[in-house]
Every structure is written in structure tokens, then in C-alpha cells.
Amino acid sequence: MESLTVAFKAIAPSPKTSDHKSAIIPPNPNPTMNLSPTAREIQAKLSQLSLSEQTWLMEYLAQQIRQTLTPQPDWTDDLTVMAADPQIQAELAAIDAEFAPTEMDGLA
């Protein structure tokens, strides 16, 4: 989270100037970090983006990071158990019977 704060401060306009492009101060990457050529290219081109594009990009990256770090539930086993459950099968059959008269309405 700290790196996002640092990145946001880097693109925020300086109070001394209204021109955000002159206020961009790229964060110094960790000196021990080896950035890929792609990362270096992106870093070099960031100054070409407007403030709104940079903000959108940060939000997009934050969302991608959150999705990567958040474990995605595996529902496969739960769905298999539910599909084999006689009570659930009976409920599904009741729902099918209830809506059977509407199957000929052409909306299916």
C-alpha cells in the first residue's frame, strides 16, 4: 500500500505549479530490484500520460494486485456436493414444475 501512496504522490501536482507534468517525480525503485525492460519502458512513458490516465492506470493496477493477492474460492467441490443432495434436487424439480407453464412463452 505504501508504494501506491508513493506513486500517487509522484503524480500529484505540486502546490508550486499547476502543470502536473512538470511536477512528476518518479519513485525511485528499490536499488536491489532489477526492473525488466518492459517495466523500464512503462516507467519512461508514464510522463506522457495525463493525470487522469495515470490515476486510471494506478486504480487498474491496484485492482489487479488485489485480485492476485485475494485467494479465489474453489466452488467445484461444494457444487458437486450440492448437485448430489436429494433435498436440493427436490427443490430444483419443484422450481422446474412451477415454471413449466411459462416454457412455451418464447422467452427461454
PDB file of N, CA and C in Angstrom:
ATOM      1  N   MET A   1       0.823  -1.181   0.000  1.00  0.00           N
ATOM      2  CA  MET A   1       0.000   0.000   0.000  1.00  0.00           C
ATOM      3  C   MET A   1       0.871   1.250   0.000  1.00  0.00           C
ATOM      4  N   GLU A   2       2.027   1.152   0.680  1.00  0.00           N
ATOM      5  CA  GLU A   2       2.911   2.295   0.739  1.00  0.00           C
ATOM      6  C   GLU A   2       3.403   2.683  -0.651  1.00  0.00           C
ATOM      7  N   SER A   3       3.673   1.694  -1.494  1.00  0.00           N
ATOM      8  CA  SER A   3       4.157   2.002  -2.837  1.00  0.00           C
ATOM      9  C   SER A   3       3.099   2.728  -3.656  1.00  0.00           C
ATOM     10  N   LEU A   4       1.805   2.405  -3.437  1.00  0.00           N
ATOM     11  CA  LEU A   4       0.749   3.124  -4.144  1.00  0.00           C
ATOM     12  C   LEU A   4       0.678   4.565  -3.668  1.00  0.00           C
ATOM     13  N   THR A   5       0.863   4.787  -2.374  1.00  0.00           N
ATOM     14  CA  THR A   5       0.858   6.144  -1.841  1.00  0.00           C
ATOM     15  C   THR A   5       2.012   6.935  -2.429  1.00  0.00           C
ATOM     16  N   VAL A   6       3.178   6.307  -2.486  1.00  0.00           N
ATOM     17  CA  VAL A   6       4.345   6.965  -3.065  1.00  0.00           C
ATOM     18  C   VAL A   6       4.091   7.274  -4.529  1.00  0.00           C
ATOM     19  N   ALA A   7       3.516   6.326  -5.262  1.00  0.00           N
ATOM     20  CA  ALA A   7       3.241   6.544  -6.680  1.00  0.00           C
ATOM     21  C   ALA A   7       2.219   7.652  -6.867  1.00  0.00           C
ATOM     22  N   PHE A   8       1.203   7.713  -6.014  1.00  0.00           N
ATOM     23  CA  PHE A   8       0.185   8.749  -6.145  1.00  0.00           C
ATOM     24  C   PHE A   8       0.799  10.114  -5.860  1.00  0.00           C
ATOM     25  N   LYS A   9       1.644  10.197  -4.829  1.00  0.00           N
ATOM     26  CA  LYS A   9       2.298  11.466  -4.531  1.00  0.00           C
ATOM     27  C   LYS A   9       3.187  11.894  -5.686  1.00  0.00           C
ATOM     28  N   ALA A  10       3.747  10.924  -6.389  1.00  0.00           N
ATOM     29  CA  ALA A  10       4.636  11.238  -7.502  1.00  0.00           C
ATOM     30  C   ALA A  10       3.887  11.880  -8.656  1.00  0.00           C
ATOM     31  N   ILE A  11       2.603  11.573  -8.838  1.00  0.00           N
ATOM     32  CA  ILE A  11       1.873  12.157  -9.961  1.00  0.00           C
ATOM     33  C   ILE A  11       1.002  13.322  -9.539  1.00  0.00           C
ATOM     34  N   ALA A  12       0.891  13.563  -8.237  1.00  0.00           N
ATOM     35  CA  ALA A  12       0.073  14.674  -7.762  1.00  0.00           C
ATOM     36  C   ALA A  12       0.751  15.987  -8.115  1.00  0.00           C
ATOM     37  N   PRO A  13      -0.042  16.989  -8.505  1.00  0.00           N
ATOM     38  CA  PRO A  13       0.556  18.279  -8.843  1.00  0.00           C
ATOM     39  C   PRO A  13       1.212  18.914  -7.626  1.00  0.00           C
ATOM     40  N   SER A  14       2.312  19.539  -7.856  1.00  0.00           N
ATOM     41  CA  SER A  14       2.996  20.255  -6.795  1.00  0.00           C
ATOM     42  C   SER A  14       2.231  21.535  -6.489  1.00  0.00           C
ATOM     43  N   PRO A  15       2.167  21.958  -5.214  1.00  0.00           N
ATOM     44  CA  PRO A  15       1.461  23.188  -4.908  1.00  0.00           C
ATOM     45  C   PRO A  15       2.106  24.405  -5.562  1.00  0.00           C
ATOM     46  N   LYS A  16       3.364  24.295  -5.973  1.00  0.00           N
ATOM     47  CA  LYS A  16       4.069  25.409  -6.577  1.00  0.00           C
ATOM     48  C   LYS A  16       3.692  25.631  -8.030  1.00  0.00           C
ATOM     49  N   THR A  17       3.109  24.617  -8.664  1.00  0.00           N
ATOM     50  CA  THR A  17       2.829  24.718 -10.090  1.00  0.00           C
ATOM     51  C   THR A  17       1.507  24.069 -10.423  1.00  0.00           C
ATOM     52  N   SER A  18       0.845  24.552 -11.451  1.00  0.00           N
ATOM     53  CA  SER A  18      -0.410  23.949 -11.881  1.00  0.00           C
ATOM     54  C   SER A  18      -0.180  22.956 -13.009  1.00  0.00           C
ATOM     55  N   ASP A  19       1.023  22.917 -13.543  1.00  0.00           N
ATOM     56  CA  ASP A  19       1.343  21.991 -14.629  1.00  0.00           C
ATOM     57  C   ASP A  19       1.794  20.671 -14.016  1.00  0.00           C
ATOM     58  N   HIS A  20       0.900  19.657 -14.062  1.00  0.00           N
ATOM     59  CA  HIS A  20       1.215  18.395 -13.401  1.00  0.00           C
ATOM     60  C   HIS A  20       2.389  17.671 -14.032  1.00  0.00           C
ATOM     61  N   LYS A  21       2.640  17.862 -15.309  1.00  0.00           N
ATOM     62  CA  LYS A  21       3.732  17.136 -15.952  1.00  0.00           C
ATOM     63  C   LYS A  21       5.089  17.574 -15.403  1.00  0.00           C
ATOM     64  N   SER A  22       5.215  18.855 -15.047  1.00  0.00           N
ATOM     65  CA  SER A  22       6.491  19.299 -14.516  1.00  0.00           C
ATOM     66  C   SER A  22       6.664  18.882 -13.061  1.00  0.00           C
ATOM     67  N   ALA A  23       5.567  18.446 -12.410  1.00  0.00           N
ATOM     68  CA  ALA A  23       5.636  18.052 -11.006  1.00  0.00           C
ATOM     69  C   ALA A  23       5.848  16.553 -10.834  1.00  0.00           C
ATOM     70  N   ILE A  24       5.916  15.802 -11.917  1.00  0.00           N
ATOM     71  CA  ILE A  24       6.051  14.347 -11.805  1.00  0.00           C
ATOM     72  C   ILE A  24       7.460  14.000 -11.359  1.00  0.00           C
ATOM     73  N   ILE A  25       7.507  13.282 -10.247  1.00  0.00           N
ATOM     74  CA  ILE A  25       8.777  12.803  -9.723  1.00  0.00           C
ATOM     75  C   ILE A  25       8.648  11.296  -9.609  1.00  0.00           C
ATOM     76  N   PRO A  26       9.248  10.550 -10.517  1.00  0.00           N
ATOM     77  CA  PRO A  26       9.083   9.098 -10.454  1.00  0.00           C
ATOM     78  C   PRO A  26       9.687   8.546  -9.177  1.00  0.00           C
ATOM     79  N   PRO A  27       8.989   7.578  -8.549  1.00  0.00           N
ATOM     80  CA  PRO A  27       9.551   6.975  -7.344  1.00  0.00           C
ATOM     81  C   PRO A  27      10.810   6.211  -7.692  1.00  0.00           C
ATOM     82  N   ASN A  28      11.759   6.269  -6.791  1.00  0.00           N
ATOM     83  CA  ASN A  28      12.993   5.525  -7.012  1.00  0.00           C
ATOM     84  C   ASN A  28      12.730   4.056  -6.730  1.00  0.00           C
ATOM     85  N   PRO A  29      12.948   3.195  -7.724  1.00  0.00           N
ATOM     86  CA  PRO A  29      12.755   1.772  -7.451  1.00  0.00           C
ATOM     87  C   PRO A  29      13.801   1.308  -6.445  1.00  0.00           C
ATOM     88  N   ASN A  30      13.464   0.239  -5.766  1.00  0.00           N
ATOM     89  CA  ASN A  30      14.390  -0.369  -4.823  1.00  0.00           C
ATOM     90  C   ASN A  30      15.698  -0.631  -5.567  1.00  0.00           C
ATOM     91  N   PRO A  31      16.822  -0.134  -5.053  1.00  0.00           N
ATOM     92  CA  PRO A  31      18.086  -0.303  -5.780  1.00  0.00           C
ATOM     93  C   PRO A  31      18.445  -1.762  -6.039  1.00  0.00           C
ATOM     94  N   THR A  32      17.940  -2.669  -5.206  1.00  0.00           N
ATOM     95  CA  THR A  32      18.256  -4.079  -5.415  1.00  0.00           C
ATOM     96  C   THR A  32      17.284  -4.721  -6.405  1.00  0.00           C
ATOM     97  N   MET A  33      16.237  -3.993  -6.797  1.00  0.00           N
ATOM     98  CA  MET A  33      15.239  -4.546  -7.709  1.00  0.00           C
ATOM     99  C   MET A  33      15.742  -4.416  -9.151  1.00  0.00           C
ATOM    100  N   ASN A  34      15.693  -5.514  -9.862  1.00  0.00           N
ATOM    101  CA  ASN A  34      16.047  -5.498 -11.276  1.00  0.00           C
ATOM    102  C   ASN A  34      14.770  -5.345 -12.084  1.00  0.00           C
ATOM    103  N   LEU A  35      14.538  -4.159 -12.621  1.00  0.00           N
ATOM    104  CA  LEU A  35      13.339  -3.939 -13.429  1.00  0.00           C
ATOM    105  C   LEU A  35      13.547  -4.541 -14.808  1.00  0.00           C
ATOM    106  N   SER A  36      12.499  -5.135 -15.318  1.00  0.00           N
ATOM    107  CA  SER A  36      12.552  -5.709 -16.659  1.00  0.00           C
ATOM    108  C   SER A  36      12.582  -4.573 -17.673  1.00  0.00           C
ATOM    109  N   PRO A  37      12.998  -4.864 -18.888  1.00  0.00           N
ATOM    110  CA  PRO A  37      12.961  -3.836 -19.930  1.00  0.00           C
ATOM    111  C   PRO A  37      11.543  -3.281 -20.127  1.00  0.00           C
ATOM    112  N   THR A  38      10.537  -4.126 -20.003  1.00  0.00           N
ATOM    113  CA  THR A  38       9.154  -3.674 -20.145  1.00  0.00           C
ATOM    114  C   THR A  38       8.805  -2.676 -19.048  1.00  0.00           C
ATOM    115  N   ALA A  39       9.187  -2.976 -17.800  1.00  0.00           N
ATOM    116  CA  ALA A  39       8.912  -2.065 -16.689  1.00  0.00           C
ATOM    117  C   ALA A  39       9.633  -0.737 -16.886  1.00  0.00           C
ATOM    118  N   ARG A  40      10.868  -0.780 -17.365  1.00  0.00           N
ATOM    119  CA  ARG A  40      11.616   0.462 -17.616  1.00  0.00           C
ATOM    120  C   ARG A  40      10.950   1.270 -18.733  1.00  0.00           C
ATOM    121  N   GLU A  41      10.441   0.601 -19.754  1.00  0.00           N
ATOM    122  CA  GLU A  41       9.758   1.288 -20.851  1.00  0.00           C
ATOM    123  C   GLU A  41       8.474   1.953 -20.346  1.00  0.00           C
ATOM    124  N   ILE A  42       7.722   1.238 -19.523  1.00  0.00           N
ATOM    125  CA  ILE A  42       6.495   1.805 -18.958  1.00  0.00           C
ATOM    126  C   ILE A  42       6.838   3.018 -18.096  1.00  0.00           C
ATOM    127  N   GLN A  43       7.868   2.883 -17.273  1.00  0.00           N
ATOM    128  CA  GLN A  43       8.287   3.989 -16.412  1.00  0.00           C
ATOM    129  C   GLN A  43       8.645   5.215 -17.252  1.00  0.00           C
ATOM    130  N   ALA A  44       9.336   5.010 -18.353  1.00  0.00           N
ATOM    131  CA  ALA A  44       9.745   6.128 -19.205  1.00  0.00           C
ATOM    132  C   ALA A  44       8.548   6.794 -19.884  1.00  0.00           C
ATOM    133  N   LYS A  45       7.504   6.018 -20.186  1.00  0.00           N
ATOM    134  CA  LYS A  45       6.347   6.560 -20.911  1.00  0.00           C
ATOM    135  C   LYS A  45       5.259   7.132 -20.007  1.00  0.00           C
ATOM    136  N   LEU A  46       5.372   6.922 -18.702  1.00  0.00           N
ATOM    137  CA  LEU A  46       4.344   7.419 -17.787  1.00  0.00           C
ATOM    138  C   LEU A  46       4.176   8.932 -17.874  1.00  0.00           C
ATOM    139  N   SER A  47       5.255   9.638 -18.102  1.00  0.00           N
ATOM    140  CA  SER A  47       5.165  11.101 -18.154  1.00  0.00           C
ATOM    141  C   SER A  47       4.368  11.584 -19.363  1.00  0.00           C
ATOM    142  N   GLN A  48       4.133  10.703 -20.320  1.00  0.00           N
ATOM    143  CA  GLN A  48       3.352  11.070 -21.499  1.00  0.00           C
ATOM    144  C   GLN A  48       1.848  10.972 -21.248  1.00  0.00           C
ATOM    145  N   LEU A  49       1.458  10.364 -20.125  1.00  0.00           N
ATOM    146  CA  LEU A  49       0.049  10.198 -19.795  1.00  0.00           C
ATOM    147  C   LEU A  49      -0.470  11.408 -19.036  1.00  0.00           C
ATOM    148  N   SER A  50      -1.731  11.715 -19.247  1.00  0.00           N
ATOM    149  CA  SER A  50      -2.359  12.786 -18.474  1.00  0.00           C
ATOM    150  C   SER A  50      -2.545  12.319 -17.040  1.00  0.00           C
ATOM    151  N   LEU A  51      -2.850  13.250 -16.162  1.00  0.00           N
ATOM    152  CA  LEU A  51      -3.061  12.902 -14.760  1.00  0.00           C
ATOM    153  C   LEU A  51      -4.227  11.925 -14.614  1.00  0.00           C
ATOM    154  N   SER A  52      -5.306  12.137 -15.373  1.00  0.00           N
ATOM    155  CA  SER A  52      -6.450  11.223 -15.281  1.00  0.00           C
ATOM    156  C   SER A  52      -6.078   9.834 -15.807  1.00  0.00           C
ATOM    157  N   GLU A  53      -5.255   9.751 -16.831  1.00  0.00           N
ATOM    158  CA  GLU A  53      -4.817   8.442 -17.333  1.00  0.00           C
ATOM    159  C   GLU A  53      -3.902   7.750 -16.321  1.00  0.00           C
ATOM    160  N   GLN A  54      -3.040   8.513 -15.682  1.00  0.00           N
ATOM    161  CA  GLN A  54      -2.163   7.930 -14.660  1.00  0.00           C
ATOM    162  C   GLN A  54      -2.983   7.437 -13.475  1.00  0.00           C
ATOM    163  N   THR A  55      -3.986   8.200 -13.078  1.00  0.00           N
ATOM    164  CA  THR A  55      -4.849   7.799 -11.972  1.00  0.00           C
ATOM    165  C   THR A  55      -5.608   6.534 -12.334  1.00  0.00           C
ATOM    166  N   TRP A  56      -6.160   6.488 -13.553  1.00  0.00           N
ATOM    167  CA  TRP A  56      -6.860   5.283 -14.006  1.00  0.00           C
ATOM    168  C   TRP A  56      -5.924   4.087 -13.985  1.00  0.00           C
ATOM    169  N   LEU A  57      -4.711   4.270 -14.463  1.00  0.00           N
ATOM    170  CA  LEU A  57      -3.734   3.181 -14.508  1.00  0.00           C
ATOM    171  C   LEU A  57      -3.397   2.687 -13.103  1.00  0.00           C
ATOM    172  N   MET A  58      -3.223   3.604 -12.164  1.00  0.00           N
ATOM    173  CA  MET A  58      -2.952   3.194 -10.780  1.00  0.00           C
ATOM    174  C   MET A  58      -4.111   2.400 -10.209  1.00  0.00           C
ATOM    175  N   GLU A  59      -5.335   2.858 -10.446  1.00  0.00           N
ATOM    176  CA  GLU A  59      -6.506   2.145  -9.934  1.00  0.00           C
ATOM    177  C   GLU A  59      -6.604   0.756 -10.567  1.00  0.00           C
ATOM    178  N   TYR A  60      -6.336   0.675 -11.865  1.00  0.00           N
ATOM    179  CA  TYR A  60      -6.364  -0.613 -12.570  1.00  0.00           C
ATOM    180  C   TYR A  60      -5.319  -1.556 -11.980  1.00  0.00           C
ATOM    181  N   LEU A  61      -4.107  -1.053 -11.788  1.00  0.00           N
ATOM    182  CA  LEU A  61      -3.037  -1.889 -11.227  1.00  0.00           C
ATOM    183  C   LEU A  61      -3.372  -2.333  -9.807  1.00  0.00           C
ATOM    184  N   ALA A  62      -3.933  -1.425  -9.003  1.00  0.00           N
ATOM    185  CA  ALA A  62      -4.311  -1.792  -7.632  1.00  0.00           C
ATOM    186  C   ALA A  62      -5.357  -2.899  -7.650  1.00  0.00           C
ATOM    187  N   GLN A  63      -6.315  -2.799  -8.563  1.00  0.00           N
ATOM    188  CA  GLN A  63      -7.349  -3.830  -8.674  1.00  0.00           C
ATOM    189  C   GLN A  63      -6.730  -5.169  -9.082  1.00  0.00           C
ATOM    190  N   GLN A  64      -5.821  -5.145 -10.031  1.00  0.00           N
ATOM    191  CA  GLN A  64      -5.160  -6.375 -10.474  1.00  0.00           C
ATOM    192  C   GLN A  64      -4.354  -6.997  -9.336  1.00  0.00           C
ATOM    193  N   ILE A  65      -3.677  -6.165  -8.550  1.00  0.00           N
ATOM    194  CA  ILE A  65      -2.886  -6.671  -7.422  1.00  0.00           C
ATOM    195  C   ILE A  65      -3.803  -7.285  -6.375  1.00  0.00           C
ATOM    196  N   ARG A  66      -4.920  -6.591  -6.063  1.00  0.00           N
ATOM    197  CA  ARG A  66      -5.862  -7.131  -5.079  1.00  0.00           C
ATOM    198  C   ARG A  66      -6.402  -8.481  -5.535  1.00  0.00           C
ATOM    199  N   GLN A  67      -6.753  -8.599  -6.810  1.00  0.00           N
ATOM    200  CA  GLN A  67      -7.286  -9.867  -7.322  1.00  0.00           C
ATOM    201  C   GLN A  67      -6.231 -10.966  -7.263  1.00  0.00           C
ATOM    202  N   THR A  68      -4.999 -10.612  -7.501  1.00  0.00           N
ATOM    203  CA  THR A  68      -3.914 -11.592  -7.455  1.00  0.00           C
ATOM    204  C   THR A  68      -3.663 -12.058  -6.021  1.00  0.00           C
ATOM    205  N   LEU A  69      -3.738 -11.126  -5.069  1.00  0.00           N
ATOM    206  CA  LEU A  69      -3.435 -11.453  -3.679  1.00  0.00           C
ATOM    207  C   LEU A  69      -4.605 -12.066  -2.935  1.00  0.00           C
ATOM    208  N   THR A  70      -5.822 -11.893  -3.443  1.00  0.00           N
ATOM    209  CA  THR A  70      -7.009 -12.435  -2.787  1.00  0.00           C
ATOM    210  C   THR A  70      -7.248 -13.845  -3.292  1.00  0.00           C
ATOM    211  N   PRO A  71      -7.221 -14.826  -2.398  1.00  0.00           N
ATOM    212  CA  PRO A  71      -7.463 -16.194  -2.855  1.00  0.00           C
ATOM    213  C   PRO A  71      -8.873 -16.332  -3.422  1.00  0.00           C
ATOM    214  N   GLN A  72      -8.973 -16.938  -4.577  1.00  0.00           N
ATOM    215  CA  GLN A  72     -10.263 -17.151  -5.217  1.00  0.00           C
ATOM    216  C   GLN A  72     -10.837 -18.478  -4.720  1.00  0.00           C
ATOM    217  N   PRO A  73     -12.087 -18.447  -4.255  1.00  0.00           N
ATOM    218  CA  PRO A  73     -12.668 -19.690  -3.737  1.00  0.00           C
ATOM    219  C   PRO A  73     -12.875 -20.720  -4.852  1.00  0.00           C
ATOM    220  N   ASP A  74     -12.679 -21.966  -4.494  1.00  0.00           N
ATOM    221  CA  ASP A  74     -12.929 -23.061  -5.430  1.00  0.00           C
ATOM    222  C   ASP A  74     -14.269 -23.684  -5.038  1.00  0.00           C
ATOM    223  N   TRP A  75     -15.278 -23.428  -5.851  1.00  0.00           N
ATOM    224  CA  TRP A  75     -16.630 -23.881  -5.550  1.00  0.00           C
ATOM    225  C   TRP A  75     -16.911 -25.269  -6.126  1.00  0.00           C
ATOM    226  N   THR A  76     -15.986 -25.845  -6.832  1.00  0.00           N
ATOM    227  CA  THR A  76     -16.229 -27.106  -7.525  1.00  0.00           C
ATOM    228  C   THR A  76     -16.714 -28.199  -6.583  1.00  0.00           C
ATOM    229  N   ASP A  77     -15.998 -28.386  -5.484  1.00  0.00           N
ATOM    230  CA  ASP A  77     -16.383 -29.441  -4.544  1.00  0.00           C
ATOM    231  C   ASP A  77     -17.749 -29.157  -3.927  1.00  0.00           C
ATOM    232  N   ASP A  78     -17.994 -27.899  -3.552  1.00  0.00           N
ATOM    233  CA  ASP A  78     -19.279 -27.530  -2.958  1.00  0.00           C
ATOM    234  C   ASP A  78     -20.426 -27.757  -3.937  1.00  0.00           C
ATOM    235  N   LEU A  79     -20.221 -27.391  -5.197  1.00  0.00           N
ATOM    236  CA  LEU A  79     -21.271 -27.577  -6.203  1.00  0.00           C
ATOM    237  C   LEU A  79     -21.543 -29.057  -6.462  1.00  0.00           C
ATOM    238  N   THR A  80     -20.496 -29.865  -6.431  1.00  0.00           N
ATOM    239  CA  THR A  80     -20.666 -31.311  -6.633  1.00  0.00           C
ATOM    240  C   THR A  80     -21.505 -31.908  -5.505  1.00  0.00           C
ATOM    241  N   VAL A  81     -21.206 -31.501  -4.280  1.00  0.00           N
ATOM    242  CA  VAL A  81     -21.977 -31.988  -3.123  1.00  0.00           C
ATOM    243  C   VAL A  81     -23.421 -31.514  -3.229  1.00  0.00           C
ATOM    244  N   MET A  82     -23.625 -30.242  -3.597  1.00  0.00           N
ATOM    245  CA  MET A  82     -24.989 -29.709  -3.716  1.00  0.00           C
ATOM    246  C   MET A  82     -25.780 -30.438  -4.800  1.00  0.00           C
ATOM    247  N   ALA A  83     -25.135 -30.723  -5.916  1.00  0.00           N
ATOM    248  CA  ALA A  83     -25.831 -31.385  -7.024  1.00  0.00           C
ATOM    249  C   ALA A  83     -26.274 -32.793  -6.645  1.00  0.00           C
ATOM    250  N   ALA A  84     -25.546 -33.425  -5.746  1.00  0.00           N
ATOM    251  CA  ALA A  84     -25.894 -34.785  -5.318  1.00  0.00           C
ATOM    252  C   ALA A  84     -26.877 -34.806  -4.144  1.00  0.00           C
ATOM    253  N   ASP A  85     -27.141 -33.659  -3.549  1.00  0.00           N
ATOM    254  CA  ASP A  85     -28.018 -33.566  -2.381  1.00  0.00           C
ATOM    255  C   ASP A  85     -29.481 -33.785  -2.790  1.00  0.00           C
ATOM    256  N   PRO A  86     -30.148 -34.802  -2.230  1.00  0.00           N
ATOM    257  CA  PRO A  86     -31.544 -35.079  -2.594  1.00  0.00           C
ATOM    258  C   PRO A  86     -32.490 -33.911  -2.298  1.00  0.00           C
ATOM    259  N   GLN A  87     -32.249 -33.154  -1.244  1.00  0.00           N
ATOM    260  CA  GLN A  87     -33.113 -32.014  -0.936  1.00  0.00           C
ATOM    261  C   GLN A  87     -32.991 -30.923  -2.001  1.00  0.00           C
ATOM    262  N   ILE A  88     -31.794 -30.681  -2.446  1.00  0.00           N
ATOM    263  CA  ILE A  88     -31.589 -29.667  -3.491  1.00  0.00           C
ATOM    264  C   ILE A  88     -32.192 -30.155  -4.803  1.00  0.00           C
ATOM    265  N   GLN A  89     -32.017 -31.445  -5.120  1.00  0.00           N
ATOM    266  CA  GLN A  89     -32.617 -31.992  -6.335  1.00  0.00           C
ATOM    267  C   GLN A  89     -34.137 -31.855  -6.287  1.00  0.00           C
ATOM    268  N   ALA A  90     -34.749 -32.108  -5.130  1.00  0.00           N
ATOM    269  CA  ALA A  90     -36.203 -31.980  -4.989  1.00  0.00           C
ATOM    270  C   ALA A  90     -36.632 -30.526  -5.169  1.00  0.00           C
ATOM    271  N   GLU A  91     -35.859 -29.583  -4.621  1.00  0.00           N
ATOM    272  CA  GLU A  91     -36.186 -28.160  -4.762  1.00  0.00           C
ATOM    273  C   GLU A  91     -36.088 -27.712  -6.220  1.00  0.00           C
ATOM    274  N   LEU A  92     -35.070 -28.175  -6.901  1.00  0.00           N
ATOM    275  CA  LEU A  92     -34.924 -27.834  -8.325  1.00  0.00           C
ATOM    276  C   LEU A  92     -36.075 -28.419  -9.147  1.00  0.00           C
ATOM    277  N   ALA A  93     -36.500 -29.630  -8.828  1.00  0.00           N
ATOM    278  CA  ALA A  93     -37.631 -30.244  -9.529  1.00  0.00           C
ATOM    279  C   ALA A  93     -38.907 -29.439  -9.277  1.00  0.00           C
ATOM    280  N   ALA A  94     -39.098 -28.964  -8.039  1.00  0.00           N
ATOM    281  CA  ALA A  94     -40.275 -28.146  -7.722  1.00  0.00           C
ATOM    282  C   ALA A  94     -40.243 -26.825  -8.485  1.00  0.00           C
ATOM    283  N   ILE A  95     -39.074 -26.221  -8.591  1.00  0.00           N
ATOM    284  CA  ILE A  95     -38.944 -24.962  -9.353  1.00  0.00           C
ATOM    285  C   ILE A  95     -39.248 -25.208 -10.824  1.00  0.00           C
ATOM    286  N   ASP A  96     -38.708 -26.292 -11.378  1.00  0.00           N
ATOM    287  CA  ASP A  96     -38.997 -26.648 -12.781  1.00  0.00           C
ATOM    288  C   ASP A  96     -40.490 -26.827 -13.001  1.00  0.00           C
ATOM    289  N   ALA A  97     -41.153 -27.531 -12.084  1.00  0.00           N
ATOM    290  CA  ALA A  97     -42.593 -27.771 -12.219  1.00  0.00           C
ATOM    291  C   ALA A  97     -43.370 -26.467 -12.127  1.00  0.00           C
ATOM    292  N   GLU A  98     -42.941 -25.574 -11.245  1.00  0.00           N
ATOM    293  CA  GLU A  98     -43.627 -24.288 -11.068  1.00  0.00           C
ATOM    294  C   GLU A  98     -43.541 -23.428 -12.325  1.00  0.00           C
ATOM    295  N   PHE A  99     -42.407 -23.459 -12.995  1.00  0.00           N
ATOM    296  CA  PHE A  99     -42.215 -22.606 -14.163  1.00  0.00           C
ATOM    297  C   PHE A  99     -42.471 -23.321 -15.490  1.00  0.00           C
ATOM    298  N   ALA A 100     -42.855 -24.580 -15.456  1.00  0.00           N
ATOM    299  CA  ALA A 100     -43.116 -25.345 -16.680  1.00  0.00           C
ATOM    300  C   ALA A 100     -44.149 -24.663 -17.587  1.00  0.00           C
ATOM    301  N   PRO A 101     -45.242 -24.096 -17.046  1.00  0.00           N
ATOM    302  CA  PRO A 101     -46.224 -23.451 -17.932  1.00  0.00           C
ATOM    303  C   PRO A 101     -45.664 -22.264 -18.723  1.00  0.00           C
ATOM    304  N   THR A 102     -44.587 -21.661 -18.247  1.00  0.00           N
ATOM    305  CA  THR A 102     -44.025 -20.488 -18.931  1.00  0.00           C
ATOM    306  C   THR A 102     -43.001 -20.854 -20.002  1.00  0.00           C
ATOM    307  N   GLU A 103     -42.665 -22.133 -20.118  1.00  0.00           N
ATOM    308  CA  GLU A 103     -41.634 -22.535 -21.079  1.00  0.00           C
ATOM    309  C   GLU A 103     -42.068 -22.310 -22.519  1.00  0.00           C
ATOM    310  N   MET A 104     -43.347 -22.266 -22.788  1.00  0.00           N
ATOM    311  CA  MET A 104     -43.832 -22.097 -24.159  1.00  0.00           C
ATOM    312  C   MET A 104     -44.049 -20.631 -24.517  1.00  0.00           C
ATOM    313  N   ASP A 105     -43.647 -19.697 -23.624  1.00  0.00           N
ATOM    314  CA  ASP A 105     -43.893 -18.284 -23.904  1.00  0.00           C
ATOM    315  C   ASP A 105     -42.875 -17.669 -24.866  1.00  0.00           C
ATOM    316  N   GLY A 106     -41.876 -18.438 -25.266  1.00  0.00           N
ATOM    317  CA  GLY A 106     -40.905 -17.967 -26.248  1.00  0.00           C
ATOM    318  C   GLY A 106     -39.769 -17.158 -25.654  1.00  0.00           C
ATOM    319  N   LEU A 107     -39.679 -17.021 -24.354  1.00  0.00           N
ATOM    320  CA  LEU A 107     -38.620 -16.259 -23.720  1.00  0.00           C
ATOM    321  C   LEU A 107     -37.442 -17.103 -23.277  1.00  0.00           C
ATOM    322  N   ALA A 108     -37.552 -18.396 -23.414  1.00  0.00           N
ATOM    323  CA  ALA A 108     -36.490 -19.286 -22.949  1.00  0.00           C
ATOM    324  C   ALA A 108     -35.307 -19.310 -23.860  1.00  0.00           C
TER     325      ALA A 108
END
